[in-house]
Amino acid sequence: MVASLGFQSAVFPLAVDGLTVPGYAALYALAINFVVSIVLSPLLNRIPATRGSDKTQPSDYHSDAAPSASTTDQVGLAVK
């Protein structure tokens, strides 16, 4: 859309049945994405395929302990 305008503007004039509606190209793209996903999801769900299962274990999740406030300076960097 915007490429057809030479990347001069993010506003794209969408012409439908003689009616021209200028709009933000990203919103048009978002609307197209919604329509494609709404139409294709039921169709693709009809394809026989195994769904699989979640094999994630609680031990797969871990985090490093954050340094205490006494070992950081004002911007949050660790102090030696």
PDB file of N, CA and C in Angstrom:
ATOM      1  N   MET A   1       0.816  -1.184   0.000  1.00  0.00           N
ATOM      2  CA  MET A   1       0.000   0.000   0.000  1.00  0.00           C
ATOM      3  C   MET A   1       0.862   1.251   0.000  1.00  0.00           C
ATOM      4  N   VAL A   2       1.654   1.391   1.032  1.00  0.00           N
ATOM      5  CA  VAL A   2       2.475   2.590   1.141  1.00  0.00           C
ATOM      6  C   VAL A   2       3.572   2.574   0.084  1.00  0.00           C
ATOM      7  N   ALA A   3       4.034   1.369  -0.287  1.00  0.00           N
ATOM      8  CA  ALA A   3       5.058   1.277  -1.330  1.00  0.00           C
ATOM      9  C   ALA A   3       4.524   1.797  -2.656  1.00  0.00           C
ATOM     10  N   SER A   4       3.235   1.605  -2.906  1.00  0.00           N
ATOM     11  CA  SER A   4       2.661   2.113  -4.156  1.00  0.00           C
ATOM     12  C   SER A   4       2.663   3.638  -4.200  1.00  0.00           C
ATOM     13  N   LEU A   5       2.751   4.264  -3.046  1.00  0.00           N
ATOM     14  CA  LEU A   5       2.825   5.724  -2.971  1.00  0.00           C
ATOM     15  C   LEU A   5       4.263   6.216  -2.899  1.00  0.00           C
ATOM     16  N   GLY A   6       5.233   5.313  -3.041  1.00  0.00           N
ATOM     17  CA  GLY A   6       6.638   5.697  -2.982  1.00  0.00           C
ATOM     18  C   GLY A   6       7.097   6.033  -1.576  1.00  0.00           C
ATOM     19  N   PHE A   7       6.441   5.480  -0.567  1.00  0.00           N
ATOM     20  CA  PHE A   7       6.779   5.706   0.846  1.00  0.00           C
ATOM     21  C   PHE A   7       6.737   7.191   1.217  1.00  0.00           C
ATOM     22  N   GLN A   8       5.871   7.939   0.549  1.00  0.00           N
ATOM     23  CA  GLN A   8       5.757   9.365   0.825  1.00  0.00           C
ATOM     24  C   GLN A   8       4.814   9.660   1.987  1.00  0.00           C
ATOM     25  N   SER A   9       3.866   8.754   2.235  1.00  0.00           N
ATOM     26  CA  SER A   9       2.865   8.999   3.272  1.00  0.00           C
ATOM     27  C   SER A   9       2.363   7.669   3.818  1.00  0.00           C
ATOM     28  N   ALA A  10       1.973   7.663   5.078  1.00  0.00           N
ATOM     29  CA  ALA A  10       1.400   6.468   5.691  1.00  0.00           C
ATOM     30  C   ALA A  10      -0.108   6.417   5.490  1.00  0.00           C
ATOM     31  N   VAL A  11      -0.676   7.470   4.918  1.00  0.00           N
ATOM     32  CA  VAL A  11      -2.103   7.517   4.637  1.00  0.00           C
ATOM     33  C   VAL A  11      -2.321   6.984   3.226  1.00  0.00           C
ATOM     34  N   PHE A  12      -3.167   5.960   3.126  1.00  0.00           N
ATOM     35  CA  PHE A  12      -3.418   5.318   1.849  1.00  0.00           C
ATOM     36  C   PHE A  12      -4.874   5.527   1.464  1.00  0.00           C
ATOM     37  N   PRO A  13      -5.124   6.033   0.251  1.00  0.00           N
ATOM     38  CA  PRO A  13      -6.510   6.205  -0.188  1.00  0.00           C
ATOM     39  C   PRO A  13      -7.060   4.883  -0.720  1.00  0.00           C
ATOM     40  N   LEU A  14      -7.957   4.268   0.023  1.00  0.00           N
ATOM     41  CA  LEU A  14      -8.549   2.991  -0.357  1.00  0.00           C
ATOM     42  C   LEU A  14      -9.814   3.268  -1.166  1.00  0.00           C
ATOM     43  N   ALA A  15      -9.825   2.804  -2.430  1.00  0.00           N
ATOM     44  CA  ALA A  15     -10.973   3.030  -3.319  1.00  0.00           C
ATOM     45  C   ALA A  15     -11.797   1.755  -3.421  1.00  0.00           C
ATOM     46  N   VAL A  16     -13.083   1.843  -3.023  1.00  0.00           N
ATOM     47  CA  VAL A  16     -14.005   0.711  -3.086  1.00  0.00           C
ATOM     48  C   VAL A  16     -15.299   1.194  -3.731  1.00  0.00           C
ATOM     49  N   ASP A  17     -15.633   0.622  -4.888  1.00  0.00           N
ATOM     50  CA  ASP A  17     -16.867   0.967  -5.601  1.00  0.00           C
ATOM     51  C   ASP A  17     -17.044   2.470  -5.794  1.00  0.00           C
ATOM     52  N   GLY A  18     -16.008   3.153  -6.196  1.00  0.00           N
ATOM     53  CA  GLY A  18     -16.102   4.584  -6.456  1.00  0.00           C
ATOM     54  C   GLY A  18     -15.974   5.450  -5.218  1.00  0.00           C
ATOM     55  N   LEU A  19     -15.953   4.844  -4.047  1.00  0.00           N
ATOM     56  CA  LEU A  19     -15.799   5.592  -2.798  1.00  0.00           C
ATOM     57  C   LEU A  19     -14.338   5.503  -2.363  1.00  0.00           C
ATOM     58  N   THR A  20     -13.713   6.629  -2.153  1.00  0.00           N
ATOM     59  CA  THR A  20     -12.321   6.653  -1.722  1.00  0.00           C
ATOM     60  C   THR A  20     -12.266   7.048  -0.257  1.00  0.00           C
ATOM     61  N   VAL A  21     -11.647   6.171   0.551  1.00  0.00           N
ATOM     62  CA  VAL A  21     -11.541   6.407   1.985  1.00  0.00           C
ATOM     63  C   VAL A  21     -10.060   6.474   2.354  1.00  0.00           C
ATOM     64  N   PRO A  22      -9.562   7.667   2.688  1.00  0.00           N
ATOM     65  CA  PRO A  22      -8.170   7.734   3.126  1.00  0.00           C
ATOM     66  C   PRO A  22      -8.050   7.210   4.556  1.00  0.00           C
ATOM     67  N   GLY A  23      -7.008   6.446   4.797  1.00  0.00           N
ATOM     68  CA  GLY A  23      -6.817   5.895   6.136  1.00  0.00           C
ATOM     69  C   GLY A  23      -5.378   5.476   6.359  1.00  0.00           C
ATOM     70  N   TYR A  24      -5.057   5.249   7.598  1.00  0.00           N
ATOM     71  CA  TYR A  24      -3.708   4.838   7.990  1.00  0.00           C
ATOM     72  C   TYR A  24      -3.459   3.420   7.476  1.00  0.00           C
ATOM     73  N   ALA A  25      -2.404   3.226   6.708  1.00  0.00           N
ATOM     74  CA  ALA A  25      -2.130   1.955   6.046  1.00  0.00           C
ATOM     75  C   ALA A  25      -1.969   0.805   7.043  1.00  0.00           C
ATOM     76  N   ALA A  26      -1.416   1.070   8.223  1.00  0.00           N
ATOM     77  CA  ALA A  26      -1.239   0.011   9.216  1.00  0.00           C
ATOM     78  C   ALA A  26      -2.579  -0.515   9.717  1.00  0.00           C
ATOM     79  N   LEU A  27      -3.582   0.341   9.805  1.00  0.00           N
ATOM     80  CA  LEU A  27      -4.913  -0.120  10.227  1.00  0.00           C
ATOM     81  C   LEU A  27      -5.556  -0.974   9.147  1.00  0.00           C
ATOM     82  N   TYR A  28      -5.349  -0.615   7.879  1.00  0.00           N
ATOM     83  CA  TYR A  28      -5.833  -1.470   6.789  1.00  0.00           C
ATOM     84  C   TYR A  28      -5.166  -2.831   6.855  1.00  0.00           C
ATOM     85  N   ALA A  29      -3.857  -2.856   7.091  1.00  0.00           N
ATOM     86  CA  ALA A  29      -3.127  -4.126   7.183  1.00  0.00           C
ATOM     87  C   ALA A  29      -3.619  -4.946   8.372  1.00  0.00           C
ATOM     88  N   LEU A  30      -3.890  -4.304   9.501  1.00  0.00           N
ATOM     89  CA  LEU A  30      -4.405  -5.001  10.668  1.00  0.00           C
ATOM     90  C   LEU A  30      -5.784  -5.609  10.369  1.00  0.00           C
ATOM     91  N   ALA A  31      -6.625  -4.863   9.693  1.00  0.00           N
ATOM     92  CA  ALA A  31      -7.947  -5.370   9.335  1.00  0.00           C
ATOM     93  C   ALA A  31      -7.832  -6.574   8.402  1.00  0.00           C
ATOM     94  N   ILE A  32      -6.926  -6.514   7.449  1.00  0.00           N
ATOM     95  CA  ILE A  32      -6.710  -7.644   6.543  1.00  0.00           C
ATOM     96  C   ILE A  32      -6.215  -8.860   7.322  1.00  0.00           C
ATOM     97  N   ASN A  33      -5.308  -8.652   8.266  1.00  0.00           N
ATOM     98  CA  ASN A  33      -4.815  -9.762   9.100  1.00  0.00           C
ATOM     99  C   ASN A  33      -5.949 -10.404   9.890  1.00  0.00           C
ATOM    100  N   PHE A  34      -6.824  -9.600  10.458  1.00  0.00           N
ATOM    101  CA  PHE A  34      -7.968 -10.145  11.205  1.00  0.00           C
ATOM    102  C   PHE A  34      -8.870 -10.971  10.292  1.00  0.00           C
ATOM    103  N   VAL A  35      -9.176 -10.441   9.120  1.00  0.00           N
ATOM    104  CA  VAL A  35     -10.057 -11.152   8.195  1.00  0.00           C
ATOM    105  C   VAL A  35      -9.437 -12.474   7.765  1.00  0.00           C
ATOM    106  N   VAL A  36      -8.160 -12.459   7.423  1.00  0.00           N
ATOM    107  CA  VAL A  36      -7.486 -13.688   6.993  1.00  0.00           C
ATOM    108  C   VAL A  36      -7.476 -14.715   8.124  1.00  0.00           C
ATOM    109  N   SER A  37      -7.179 -14.284   9.345  1.00  0.00           N
ATOM    110  CA  SER A  37      -7.128 -15.239  10.458  1.00  0.00           C
ATOM    111  C   SER A  37      -8.523 -15.773  10.803  1.00  0.00           C
ATOM    112  N   ILE A  38      -9.541 -14.931  10.719  1.00  0.00           N
ATOM    113  CA  ILE A  38     -10.904 -15.386  11.015  1.00  0.00           C
ATOM    114  C   ILE A  38     -11.387 -16.369   9.955  1.00  0.00           C
ATOM    115  N   VAL A  39     -11.046 -16.132   8.704  1.00  0.00           N
ATOM    116  CA  VAL A  39     -11.483 -17.021   7.619  1.00  0.00           C
ATOM    117  C   VAL A  39     -10.692 -18.321   7.611  1.00  0.00           C
ATOM    118  N   LEU A  40      -9.366 -18.231   7.781  1.00  0.00           N
ATOM    119  CA  LEU A  40      -8.535 -19.421   7.650  1.00  0.00           C
ATOM    120  C   LEU A  40      -8.510 -20.312   8.891  1.00  0.00           C
ATOM    121  N   SER A  41      -8.736 -19.774  10.067  1.00  0.00           N
ATOM    122  CA  SER A  41      -8.667 -20.591  11.287  1.00  0.00           C
ATOM    123  C   SER A  41      -9.622 -21.775  11.263  1.00  0.00           C
ATOM    124  N   PRO A  42     -10.915 -21.586  10.975  1.00  0.00           N
ATOM    125  CA  PRO A  42     -11.802 -22.758  10.931  1.00  0.00           C
ATOM    126  C   PRO A  42     -11.416 -23.743   9.827  1.00  0.00           C
ATOM    127  N   LEU A  43     -10.965 -23.215   8.689  1.00  0.00           N
ATOM    128  CA  LEU A  43     -10.583 -24.100   7.595  1.00  0.00           C
ATOM    129  C   LEU A  43      -9.357 -24.934   7.958  1.00  0.00           C
ATOM    130  N   LEU A  44      -8.364 -24.298   8.550  1.00  0.00           N
ATOM    131  CA  LEU A  44      -7.146 -25.017   8.916  1.00  0.00           C
ATOM    132  C   LEU A  44      -7.373 -25.956  10.103  1.00  0.00           C
ATOM    133  N   ASN A  45      -8.330 -25.640  10.966  1.00  0.00           N
ATOM    134  CA  ASN A  45      -8.651 -26.538  12.086  1.00  0.00           C
ATOM    135  C   ASN A  45      -9.310 -27.830  11.613  1.00  0.00           C
ATOM    136  N   ARG A  46      -9.872 -27.833  10.409  1.00  0.00           N
ATOM    137  CA  ARG A  46     -10.494 -29.037   9.872  1.00  0.00           C
ATOM    138  C   ARG A  46      -9.457 -30.023   9.339  1.00  0.00           C
ATOM    139  N   ILE A  47      -8.223 -29.565   9.109  1.00  0.00           N
ATOM    140  CA  ILE A  47      -7.179 -30.453   8.606  1.00  0.00           C
ATOM    141  C   ILE A  47      -6.800 -31.429   9.714  1.00  0.00           C
ATOM    142  N   PRO A  48      -6.837 -32.722   9.411  1.00  0.00           N
ATOM    143  CA  PRO A  48      -6.489 -33.698  10.457  1.00  0.00           C
ATOM    144  C   PRO A  48      -4.988 -33.657  10.759  1.00  0.00           C
ATOM    145  N   ALA A  49      -4.691 -33.216  11.931  1.00  0.00           N
ATOM    146  CA  ALA A  49      -3.309 -33.155  12.394  1.00  0.00           C
ATOM    147  C   ALA A  49      -3.307 -33.337  13.900  1.00  0.00           C
ATOM    148  N   THR A  50      -2.240 -33.890  14.418  1.00  0.00           N
ATOM    149  CA  THR A  50      -2.163 -34.064  15.866  1.00  0.00           C
ATOM    150  C   THR A  50      -1.882 -32.725  16.515  1.00  0.00           C
ATOM    151  N   ARG A  51      -2.522 -32.498  17.632  1.00  0.00           N
ATOM    152  CA  ARG A  51      -2.357 -31.242  18.353  1.00  0.00           C
ATOM    153  C   ARG A  51      -1.118 -31.242  19.239  1.00  0.00           C
ATOM    154  N   GLY A  52      -0.682 -32.432  19.664  1.00  0.00           N
ATOM    155  CA  GLY A  52       0.465 -32.489  20.562  1.00  0.00           C
ATOM    156  C   GLY A  52       0.065 -32.141  21.979  1.00  0.00           C
ATOM    157  N   SER A  53       1.017 -32.170  22.856  1.00  0.00           N
ATOM    158  CA  SER A  53       0.740 -31.825  24.245  1.00  0.00           C
ATOM    159  C   SER A  53       1.892 -30.999  24.796  1.00  0.00           C
ATOM    160  N   ASP A  54       1.592 -30.275  25.832  1.00  0.00           N
ATOM    161  CA  ASP A  54       2.591 -29.428  26.468  1.00  0.00           C
ATOM    162  C   ASP A  54       3.458 -30.291  27.373  1.00  0.00           C
ATOM    163  N   LYS A  55       4.731 -30.343  27.101  1.00  0.00           N
ATOM    164  CA  LYS A  55       5.653 -31.169  27.880  1.00  0.00           C
ATOM    165  C   LYS A  55       6.518 -30.311  28.820  1.00  0.00           C
ATOM    166  N   THR A  56       6.095 -29.086  29.060  1.00  0.00           N
ATOM    167  CA  THR A  56       6.836 -28.194  29.935  1.00  0.00           C
ATOM    168  C   THR A  56       6.720 -28.655  31.383  1.00  0.00           C
ATOM    169  N   GLN A  57       7.839 -28.706  32.057  1.00  0.00           N
ATOM    170  CA  GLN A  57       7.891 -29.093  33.468  1.00  0.00           C
ATOM    171  C   GLN A  57       8.142 -27.855  34.317  1.00  0.00           C
ATOM    172  N   PRO A  58       7.711 -27.854  35.568  1.00  0.00           N
ATOM    173  CA  PRO A  58       7.991 -26.704  36.437  1.00  0.00           C
ATOM    174  C   PRO A  58       9.483 -26.411  36.553  1.00  0.00           C
ATOM    175  N   SER A  59      10.318 -27.431  36.440  1.00  0.00           N
ATOM    176  CA  SER A  59      11.765 -27.205  36.546  1.00  0.00           C
ATOM    177  C   SER A  59      12.323 -26.489  35.313  1.00  0.00           C
ATOM    178  N   ASP A  60      11.551 -26.396  34.238  1.00  0.00           N
ATOM    179  CA  ASP A  60      12.002 -25.676  33.045  1.00  0.00           C
ATOM    180  C   ASP A  60      12.004 -24.165  33.262  1.00  0.00           C
ATOM    181  N   TYR A  61      11.255 -23.707  34.252  1.00  0.00           N
ATOM    182  CA  TYR A  61      11.183 -22.281  34.551  1.00  0.00           C
ATOM    183  C   TYR A  61      12.173 -21.958  35.657  1.00  0.00           C
ATOM    184  N   HIS A  62      13.001 -20.974  35.397  1.00  0.00           N
ATOM    185  CA  HIS A  62      13.955 -20.548  36.422  1.00  0.00           C
ATOM    186  C   HIS A  62      14.217 -19.063  36.248  1.00  0.00           C
ATOM    187  N   SER A  63      14.681 -18.456  37.284  1.00  0.00           N
ATOM    188  CA  SER A  63      15.056 -17.050  37.198  1.00  0.00           C
ATOM    189  C   SER A  63      16.256 -16.826  38.080  1.00  0.00           C
ATOM    190  N   ASP A  64      17.015 -15.844  37.727  1.00  0.00           N
ATOM    191  CA  ASP A  64      18.153 -15.467  38.546  1.00  0.00           C
ATOM    192  C   ASP A  64      17.656 -14.463  39.581  1.00  0.00           C
ATOM    193  N   ALA A  65      18.154 -14.602  40.777  1.00  0.00           N
ATOM    194  CA  ALA A  65      17.741 -13.688  41.837  1.00  0.00           C
ATOM    195  C   ALA A  65      18.251 -12.287  41.516  1.00  0.00           C
ATOM    196  N   ALA A  66      17.399 -11.300  41.683  1.00  0.00           N
ATOM    197  CA  ALA A  66      17.794  -9.917  41.448  1.00  0.00           C
ATOM    198  C   ALA A  66      18.702  -9.462  42.586  1.00  0.00           C
ATOM    199  N   PRO A  67      19.692  -8.618  42.271  1.00  0.00           N
ATOM    200  CA  PRO A  67      20.563  -8.120  43.338  1.00  0.00           C
ATOM    201  C   PRO A  67      19.772  -7.263  44.317  1.00  0.00           C
ATOM    202  N   SER A  68      20.186  -7.277  45.549  1.00  0.00           N
ATOM    203  CA  SER A  68      19.494  -6.475  46.552  1.00  0.00           C
ATOM    204  C   SER A  68      19.783  -5.002  46.321  1.00  0.00           C
ATOM    205  N   ALA A  69      18.966  -4.142  46.907  1.00  0.00           N
ATOM    206  CA  ALA A  69      19.096  -2.701  46.710  1.00  0.00           C
ATOM    207  C   ALA A  69      20.433  -2.175  47.221  1.00  0.00           C
ATOM    208  N   SER A  70      21.019  -2.829  48.202  1.00  0.00           N
ATOM    209  CA  SER A  70      22.273  -2.336  48.768  1.00  0.00           C
ATOM    210  C   SER A  70      23.460  -2.575  47.836  1.00  0.00           C
ATOM    211  N   THR A  71      23.306  -3.439  46.829  1.00  0.00           N
ATOM    212  CA  THR A  71      24.436  -3.719  45.937  1.00  0.00           C
ATOM    213  C   THR A  71      24.262  -3.065  44.574  1.00  0.00           C
ATOM    214  N   THR A  72      23.329  -2.117  44.449  1.00  0.00           N
ATOM    215  CA  THR A  72      23.150  -1.422  43.183  1.00  0.00           C
ATOM    216  C   THR A  72      23.288   0.079  43.399  1.00  0.00           C
ATOM    217  N   ASP A  73      23.703   0.772  42.340  1.00  0.00           N
ATOM    218  CA  ASP A  73      23.799   2.231  42.454  1.00  0.00           C
ATOM    219  C   ASP A  73      22.446   2.846  42.066  1.00  0.00           C
ATOM    220  N   GLN A  74      22.386   4.148  41.830  1.00  0.00           N
ATOM    221  CA  GLN A  74      21.118   4.826  41.593  1.00  0.00           C
ATOM    222  C   GLN A  74      20.455   4.438  40.281  1.00  0.00           C
ATOM    223  N   VAL A  75      21.212   4.019  39.279  1.00  0.00           N
ATOM    224  CA  VAL A  75      20.613   3.653  38.011  1.00  0.00           C
ATOM    225  C   VAL A  75      20.415   2.164  37.891  1.00  0.00           C
ATOM    226  N   GLY A  76      20.639   1.391  38.937  1.00  0.00           N
ATOM    227  CA  GLY A  76      20.370  -0.025  38.940  1.00  0.00           C
ATOM    228  C   GLY A  76      21.527  -0.903  38.516  1.00  0.00           C
ATOM    229  N   LEU A  77      22.705  -0.309  38.343  1.00  0.00           N
ATOM    230  CA  LEU A  77      23.870  -1.104  37.975  1.00  0.00           C
ATOM    231  C   LEU A  77      24.535  -1.681  39.208  1.00  0.00           C
ATOM    232  N   ALA A  78      25.024  -2.907  39.090  1.00  0.00           N
ATOM    233  CA  ALA A  78      25.668  -3.551  40.232  1.00  0.00           C
ATOM    234  C   ALA A  78      26.965  -2.823  40.579  1.00  0.00           C
ATOM    235  N   VAL A  79      27.195  -2.668  41.868  1.00  0.00           N
ATOM    236  CA  VAL A  79      28.392  -1.990  42.365  1.00  0.00           C
ATOM    237  C   VAL A  79      29.326  -3.030  42.955  1.00  0.00           C
ATOM    238  N   LYS A  80      30.610  -2.904  42.637  1.00  0.00           N
ATOM    239  CA  LYS A  80      31.586  -3.855  43.177  1.00  0.00           C
ATOM    240  C   LYS A  80      31.943  -3.546  44.598  1.00  0.00           C
TER     241      LYS A  80
END
